[in-house]
C-alpha atoms as a PDB file:
ATOM      1  CA  UNK A   1      10.483  14.802  13.794  1.00  0.00           C
ATOM      2  CA  UNK A   2       7.126  13.168  13.851  1.00  0.00           C
ATOM      3  CA  UNK A   3       3.611  15.622  14.015  1.00  0.00           C
ATOM      4  CA  UNK A   4       1.147  12.527  14.294  1.00  0.00           C
ATOM      5  CA  UNK A   5       1.264   9.834  17.366  1.00  0.00           C
ATOM      6  CA  UNK A   6       2.536   6.345  16.990  1.00  0.00           C
ATOM      7  CA  UNK A   7      -1.326   5.305  17.038  1.00  0.00           C
ATOM      8  CA  UNK A   8      -1.902   7.512  14.154  1.00  0.00           C
ATOM      9  CA  UNK A   9       0.957   6.185  12.067  1.00  0.00           C
ATOM     10  CA  UNK A  10      -0.314   2.584  12.170  1.00  0.00           C
ATOM     11  CA  UNK A  11      -3.695   4.094  11.578  1.00  0.00           C
ATOM     12  CA  UNK A  12      -2.124   5.291   7.906  1.00  0.00           C
ATOM     13  CA  UNK A  13      -0.124   1.842   7.772  1.00  0.00           C
ATOM     14  CA  UNK A  14      -3.376   0.352   7.643  1.00  0.00           C
ATOM     15  CA  UNK A  15      -4.807   2.537   5.221  1.00  0.00           C
ATOM     16  CA  UNK A  16      -1.757   2.021   3.044  1.00  0.00           C
ATOM     17  CA  UNK A  17      -1.933  -2.087   3.044  1.00  0.00           C
ATOM     18  CA  UNK A  18      -5.308  -1.869   2.426  1.00  0.00           C
ATOM     19  CA  UNK A  19      -5.014   0.287  -0.310  1.00  0.00           C
ATOM     20  CA  UNK A  20      -2.351  -1.666  -2.028  1.00  0.00           C
ATOM     21  CA  UNK A  21      -4.303  -5.330  -1.762  1.00  0.00           C
ATOM     22  CA  UNK A  22      -7.058  -3.352  -3.257  1.00  0.00           C
ATOM     23  CA  UNK A  23      -4.996  -3.170  -7.104  1.00  0.00           C
ATOM     24  CA  UNK A  24      -3.374  -6.792  -6.159  1.00  0.00           C
ATOM     25  CA  UNK A  25      -5.370  -8.348  -9.757  1.00  0.00           C
ATOM     26  CA  UNK A  26      -2.134  -9.498 -11.755  1.00  0.00           C
ATOM     27  CA  UNK A  27      -0.616 -13.294 -11.318  1.00  0.00           C
ATOM     28  CA  UNK A  28       3.050 -11.535 -10.612  1.00  0.00           C
ATOM     29  CA  UNK A  29       1.695  -9.007  -7.808  1.00  0.00           C
ATOM     30  CA  UNK A  30       3.514  -9.462  -4.481  1.00  0.00           C
ATOM     31  CA  UNK A  31       3.605  -7.608  -1.314  1.00  0.00           C
ATOM     32  CA  UNK A  32       5.961  -8.167   1.373  1.00  0.00           C
ATOM     33  CA  UNK A  33       6.270  -5.922   4.964  1.00  0.00           C
ATOM     34  CA  UNK A  34       9.574  -7.208   6.803  1.00  0.00           C
ATOM     35  CA  UNK A  35      11.784  -5.908   9.630  1.00  0.00           C
ATOM     36  CA  UNK A  36      13.812  -2.921   8.476  1.00  0.00           C
ATOM     37  CA  UNK A  37      16.878  -3.622   9.985  1.00  0.00           C
ATOM     38  CA  UNK A  38      17.383  -7.429   9.577  1.00  0.00           C
ATOM     39  CA  UNK A  39      18.178  -9.210   7.014  1.00  0.00           C
ATOM     40  CA  UNK A  40      15.388 -12.435   7.235  1.00  0.00           C
ATOM     41  CA  UNK A  41      12.260 -14.063   6.077  1.00  0.00           C
ATOM     42  CA  UNK A  42       9.420 -11.411   5.803  1.00  0.00           C
ATOM     43  CA  UNK A  43       7.308 -10.726   8.676  1.00  0.00           C
ATOM     44  CA  UNK A  44       3.948 -11.236   6.004  1.00  0.00           C
ATOM     45  CA  UNK A  45       3.537 -11.545   2.469  1.00  0.00           C
ATOM     46  CA  UNK A  46       0.428 -11.459   0.108  1.00  0.00           C
ATOM     47  CA  UNK A  47       0.734 -13.042  -3.272  1.00  0.00           C
ATOM     48  CA  UNK A  48      -1.670 -13.060  -6.265  1.00  0.00           C
ATOM     49  CA  UNK A  49      -3.193 -16.746  -5.854  1.00  0.00           C
ATOM     50  CA  UNK A  50      -6.291 -16.324  -8.253  1.00  0.00           C
ATOM     51  CA  UNK A  51      -8.870 -13.866  -9.398  1.00  0.00           C
ATOM     52  CA  UNK A  52     -10.045 -11.315  -6.138  1.00  0.00           C
ATOM     53  CA  UNK A  53      -7.813 -14.219  -4.489  1.00  0.00           C
ATOM     54  CA  UNK A  54      -4.580 -13.288  -2.253  1.00  0.00           C
ATOM     55  CA  UNK A  55      -2.164 -15.746  -0.604  1.00  0.00           C
ATOM     56  CA  UNK A  56      -1.156 -14.539   2.686  1.00  0.00           C
ATOM     57  CA  UNK A  57       1.782 -16.529   5.001  1.00  0.00           C
ATOM     58  CA  UNK A  58       4.082 -15.666   7.392  1.00  0.00           C
ATOM     59  CA  UNK A  59       7.921 -15.972   7.839  1.00  0.00           C
ATOM     60  CA  UNK A  60       9.456 -18.761   6.305  1.00  0.00           C
ATOM     61  CA  UNK A  61       6.027 -20.401   5.221  1.00  0.00           C
ATOM     62  CA  UNK A  62       5.488 -17.105   2.689  1.00  0.00           C
ATOM     63  CA  UNK A  63       8.051 -19.699   0.346  1.00  0.00           C
ATOM     64  CA  UNK A  64       6.081 -22.386   0.624  1.00  0.00           C
ATOM     65  CA  UNK A  65       3.680 -23.589  -1.772  1.00  0.00           C
ATOM     66  CA  UNK A  66       2.188 -26.543   0.632  1.00  0.00           C
ATOM     67  CA  UNK A  67      -1.290 -26.243   1.729  1.00  0.00           C
ATOM     68  CA  UNK A  68      -2.103 -25.497   5.356  1.00  0.00           C
ATOM     69  CA  UNK A  69       1.537 -23.065   5.123  1.00  0.00           C
ATOM     70  CA  UNK A  70      -0.596 -20.181   3.581  1.00  0.00           C
ATOM     71  CA  UNK A  71      -4.161 -18.716   4.024  1.00  0.00           C
ATOM     72  CA  UNK A  72      -6.258 -17.373   1.208  1.00  0.00           C
ATOM     73  CA  UNK A  73      -7.820 -14.041   1.794  1.00  0.00           C
ATOM     74  CA  UNK A  74     -10.151 -11.670  -0.320  1.00  0.00           C
ATOM     75  CA  UNK A  75      -9.093  -8.485  -2.196  1.00  0.00           C
ATOM     76  CA  UNK A  76     -12.763  -7.340  -1.241  1.00  0.00           C
ATOM     77  CA  UNK A  77     -11.604  -7.988   2.412  1.00  0.00           C
ATOM     78  CA  UNK A  78      -8.755  -5.524   1.888  1.00  0.00           C
ATOM     79  CA  UNK A  79     -10.277  -3.469   4.989  1.00  0.00           C
ATOM     80  CA  UNK A  80     -10.484  -6.210   7.718  1.00  0.00           C
ATOM     81  CA  UNK A  81      -7.476  -7.835   6.036  1.00  0.00           C
ATOM     82  CA  UNK A  82      -5.049  -4.400   6.856  1.00  0.00           C
ATOM     83  CA  UNK A  83      -6.498  -4.269   9.794  1.00  0.00           C
ATOM     84  CA  UNK A  84      -6.006  -7.611  11.341  1.00  0.00           C
ATOM     85  CA  UNK A  85      -2.065  -7.754   9.756  1.00  0.00           C
ATOM     86  CA  UNK A  86      -1.423  -4.008  11.746  1.00  0.00           C
ATOM     87  CA  UNK A  87      -2.646  -5.811  14.659  1.00  0.00           C
ATOM     88  CA  UNK A  88      -0.455  -8.867  14.069  1.00  0.00           C
ATOM     89  CA  UNK A  89       2.823  -6.629  13.004  1.00  0.00           C
ATOM     90  CA  UNK A  90       2.240  -4.209  16.697  1.00  0.00           C
ATOM     91  CA  UNK A  91       2.645  -7.946  18.512  1.00  0.00           C
ATOM     92  CA  UNK A  92       6.151  -8.437  17.366  1.00  0.00           C
ATOM     93  CA  UNK A  93       9.003  -7.770  19.556  1.00  0.00           C
ATOM     94  CA  UNK A  94      11.040  -4.691  18.051  1.00  0.00           C
ATOM     95  CA  UNK A  95       8.359  -3.060  15.997  1.00  0.00           C
ATOM     96  CA  UNK A  96       7.037  -0.366  18.101  1.00  0.00           C
ATOM     97  CA  UNK A  97       5.590   2.069  14.819  1.00  0.00           C
ATOM     98  CA  UNK A  98       5.632   1.403  11.034  1.00  0.00           C
ATOM     99  CA  UNK A  99       9.183   3.056  10.537  1.00  0.00           C
ATOM    100  CA  UNK A 100      10.808  -0.076  11.794  1.00  0.00           C
ATOM    101  CA  UNK A 101       9.609  -2.100   8.506  1.00  0.00           C
ATOM    102  CA  UNK A 102      10.431  -2.361   4.843  1.00  0.00           C
ATOM    103  CA  UNK A 103       7.603  -2.910   2.392  1.00  0.00           C
ATOM    104  CA  UNK A 104       8.790  -4.136  -0.987  1.00  0.00           C
ATOM    105  CA  UNK A 105       6.200  -5.326  -4.165  1.00  0.00           C
ATOM    106  CA  UNK A 106       6.692  -6.421  -7.724  1.00  0.00           C
ATOM    107  CA  UNK A 107       3.988  -6.588 -10.429  1.00  0.00           C
ATOM    108  CA  UNK A 108       1.920  -3.925 -11.502  1.00  0.00           C
ATOM    109  CA  UNK A 109       0.024  -3.212  -8.405  1.00  0.00           C
ATOM    110  CA  UNK A 110       3.815  -1.877  -7.310  1.00  0.00           C
ATOM    111  CA  UNK A 111       3.803   0.848 -10.129  1.00  0.00           C
ATOM    112  CA  UNK A 112       0.846   2.907  -9.103  1.00  0.00           C
ATOM    113  CA  UNK A 113       0.370   5.380  -6.563  1.00  0.00           C
ATOM    114  CA  UNK A 114      -1.332   3.887  -3.086  1.00  0.00           C
ATOM    115  CA  UNK A 115      -3.568   6.511  -2.197  1.00  0.00           C
ATOM    116  CA  UNK A 116      -7.242   5.731  -0.543  1.00  0.00           C
ATOM    117  CA  UNK A 117      -9.174   8.088  -2.178  1.00  0.00           C
ATOM    118  CA  UNK A 118      -7.767   8.787  -5.496  1.00  0.00           C
ATOM    119  CA  UNK A 119      -4.735   8.006  -7.406  1.00  0.00           C
ATOM    120  CA  UNK A 120      -2.176   8.713 -10.466  1.00  0.00           C
ATOM    121  CA  UNK A 121      -0.234   7.042 -12.953  1.00  0.00           C
ATOM    122  CA  UNK A 122       3.136   7.903 -12.685  1.00  0.00           C
ATOM    123  CA  UNK A 123       4.419   7.560 -16.353  1.00  0.00           C
ATOM    124  CA  UNK A 124       2.850  10.081 -18.802  1.00  0.00           C
ATOM    125  CA  UNK A 125      -1.063   9.757 -20.393  1.00  0.00           C
ATOM    126  CA  UNK A 126      -3.103   6.803 -20.239  1.00  0.00           C
ATOM    127  CA  UNK A 127      -1.816   5.798 -23.427  1.00  0.00           C
ATOM    128  CA  UNK A 128       1.619   5.056 -22.893  1.00  0.00           C
ATOM    129  CA  UNK A 129       0.872   3.020 -19.588  1.00  0.00           C
ATOM    130  CA  UNK A 130       0.691  -0.757 -19.173  1.00  0.00           C
ATOM    131  CA  UNK A 131      -3.004  -2.119 -19.470  1.00  0.00           C
ATOM    132  CA  UNK A 132      -2.194  -4.105 -16.422  1.00  0.00           C
ATOM    133  CA  UNK A 133      -1.036  -1.203 -14.082  1.00  0.00           C
ATOM    134  CA  UNK A 134      -4.357   0.888 -15.356  1.00  0.00           C
ATOM    135  CA  UNK A 135      -6.526  -2.068 -13.724  1.00  0.00           C
ATOM    136  CA  UNK A 136      -4.758  -1.799 -10.599  1.00  0.00           C
ATOM    137  CA  UNK A 137      -5.019   1.657 -10.387  1.00  0.00           C
ATOM    138  CA  UNK A 138      -8.387   1.850 -11.192  1.00  0.00           C
ATOM    139  CA  UNK A 139      -8.979  -1.109  -8.830  1.00  0.00           C
ATOM    140  CA  UNK A 140      -7.718   1.239  -6.038  1.00  0.00           C
ATOM    141  CA  UNK A 141      -9.989   3.774  -6.486  1.00  0.00           C
ATOM    142  CA  UNK A 142     -13.080   2.369  -6.649  1.00  0.00           C
ATOM    143  CA  UNK A 143     -12.246   0.144  -3.997  1.00  0.00           C
ATOM    144  CA  UNK A 144     -14.039   1.135  -0.785  1.00  0.00           C
ATOM    145  CA  UNK A 145     -11.023   1.729   1.402  1.00  0.00           C
ATOM    146  CA  UNK A 146     -11.630   2.800   4.918  1.00  0.00           C
ATOM    147  CA  UNK A 147     -10.022   5.969   6.074  1.00  0.00           C
ATOM    148  CA  UNK A 148     -12.220   6.663   8.628  1.00  0.00           C
ATOM    149  CA  UNK A 149      -9.559   7.733  11.471  1.00  0.00           C
ATOM    150  CA  UNK A 150      -6.510   8.138   9.617  1.00  0.00           C
ATOM    151  CA  UNK A 151      -5.499  11.844   9.834  1.00  0.00           C
ATOM    152  CA  UNK A 152      -2.526  11.242   7.698  1.00  0.00           C
ATOM    153  CA  UNK A 153      -4.385  10.312   4.954  1.00  0.00           C
ATOM    154  CA  UNK A 154      -7.121  13.332   5.796  1.00  0.00           C
ATOM    155  CA  UNK A 155      -4.463  15.726   5.754  1.00  0.00           C
ATOM    156  CA  UNK A 156      -3.232  14.505   2.413  1.00  0.00           C
ATOM    157  CA  UNK A 157      -6.305  15.083   0.944  1.00  0.00           C
ATOM    158  CA  UNK A 158      -6.991  18.278   2.060  1.00  0.00           C
ATOM    159  CA  UNK A 159      -3.790  19.203   0.475  1.00  0.00           C
ATOM    160  CA  UNK A 160      -5.580  17.777  -2.750  1.00  0.00           C
ATOM    161  CA  UNK A 161      -8.854  19.397  -2.296  1.00  0.00           C
ATOM    162  CA  UNK A 162      -6.645  22.968  -2.013  1.00  0.00           C
ATOM    163  CA  UNK A 163      -4.919  22.433  -5.410  1.00  0.00           C
ATOM    164  CA  UNK A 164      -8.104  21.617  -6.983  1.00  0.00           C
ATOM    165  CA  UNK A 165      -9.845  24.488  -6.163  1.00  0.00           C
ATOM    166  CA  UNK A 166      -6.769  26.619  -6.739  1.00  0.00           C
ATOM    167  CA  UNK A 167      -6.440  25.119 -10.353  1.00  0.00           C
ATOM    168  CA  UNK A 168      -9.832  22.865 -11.296  1.00  0.00           C
ATOM    169  CA  UNK A 169      -7.770  20.174 -12.337  1.00  0.00           C
ATOM    170  CA  UNK A 170      -8.363  16.879 -10.789  1.00  0.00           C
ATOM    171  CA  UNK A 171      -4.665  15.358 -12.100  1.00  0.00           C
ATOM    172  CA  UNK A 172      -2.994  17.907 -10.417  1.00  0.00           C
ATOM    173  CA  UNK A 173      -4.755  17.543  -7.382  1.00  0.00           C
ATOM    174  CA  UNK A 174      -4.056  14.073  -6.845  1.00  0.00           C
ATOM    175  CA  UNK A 175      -0.482  14.490  -7.563  1.00  0.00           C
ATOM    176  CA  UNK A 176      -0.522  17.034  -4.822  1.00  0.00           C
ATOM    177  CA  UNK A 177      -2.286  14.280  -2.530  1.00  0.00           C
ATOM    178  CA  UNK A 178       0.118  11.738  -2.921  1.00  0.00           C
ATOM    179  CA  UNK A 179       3.071  14.167  -2.886  1.00  0.00           C
ATOM    180  CA  UNK A 180       1.705  14.913   0.762  1.00  0.00           C
ATOM    181  CA  UNK A 181       0.942  11.784   1.694  1.00  0.00           C
ATOM    182  CA  UNK A 182       4.462  10.179   0.785  1.00  0.00           C
ATOM    183  CA  UNK A 183       5.753  13.608   2.984  1.00  0.00           C
ATOM    184  CA  UNK A 184       3.810  13.079   5.885  1.00  0.00           C
ATOM    185  CA  UNK A 185       4.762   9.560   5.853  1.00  0.00           C
ATOM    186  CA  UNK A 186       8.296   9.985   5.677  1.00  0.00           C
ATOM    187  CA  UNK A 187       8.257  12.710   8.453  1.00  0.00           C
ATOM    188  CA  UNK A 188       6.159  10.525  11.002  1.00  0.00           C
ATOM    189  CA  UNK A 189       8.869   7.597  10.743  1.00  0.00           C
ATOM    190  CA  UNK A 190       6.870   5.718   8.328  1.00  0.00           C
ATOM    191  CA  UNK A 191       9.673   3.942   6.884  1.00  0.00           C
ATOM    192  CA  UNK A 192       7.169   2.095   4.142  1.00  0.00           C
ATOM    193  CA  UNK A 193       7.138   5.706   2.173  1.00  0.00           C
ATOM    194  CA  UNK A 194      10.098   4.134   0.620  1.00  0.00           C
ATOM    195  CA  UNK A 195       9.072   0.943  -0.324  1.00  0.00           C
ATOM    196  CA  UNK A 196      10.955  -0.891  -2.631  1.00  0.00           C
ATOM    197  CA  UNK A 197       8.974  -1.302  -5.202  1.00  0.00           C
ATOM    198  CA  UNK A 198      10.103  -3.437  -8.557  1.00  0.00           C
ATOM    199  CA  UNK A 199       8.213  -3.531 -11.052  1.00  0.00           C
ATOM    200  CA  UNK A 200       7.597  -5.961 -14.161  1.00  0.00           C
ATOM    201  CA  UNK A 201       5.301  -5.541 -17.089  1.00  0.00           C
ATOM    202  CA  UNK A 202       7.883  -2.749 -18.021  1.00  0.00           C
ATOM    203  CA  UNK A 203       6.323   0.038 -16.597  1.00  0.00           C
ATOM    204  CA  UNK A 204       8.427   2.277 -14.452  1.00  0.00           C
END
């Protein structure tokens, strides 16, 4: 059962998109949002285009390399782009909440946690992590992601704060917060919490 309103869920999805985009710095990075209940072209897709620049396209145009079929957006504008993407998605027929969506990604950005204010690597210590993954994580950690008005993110960070108070370990706190964020998104009908992420660069 959902414990947050539909508006809260969309606000959290906005945070998720912004944090994801902030880490898309590798030529193999792709991030797609599609209908969860249909096999069809994506509603929106982001691809790496150039350093700090992403390519944004919709539907069939996501697979086009023809100039004019896509728009270039800056990684630094992740907050604005995420907000506008959510506004676009909320206007699509049959998409009542983020649970009606399926997200998928590939590339180093897809293989690290998407937590707006902190994060952790999912495969041991830094020495065992591919450099491209470390770069994606570092970019997300330092990015100024807008979390104002996102109660789901705030609830997850509160769990992380309590874990830190109990253990004095930043790593444990980050893991606790990320797990709680995934749990809250899952129970609030947010299908993107179980995103299908295909990692490249040998990182799993």
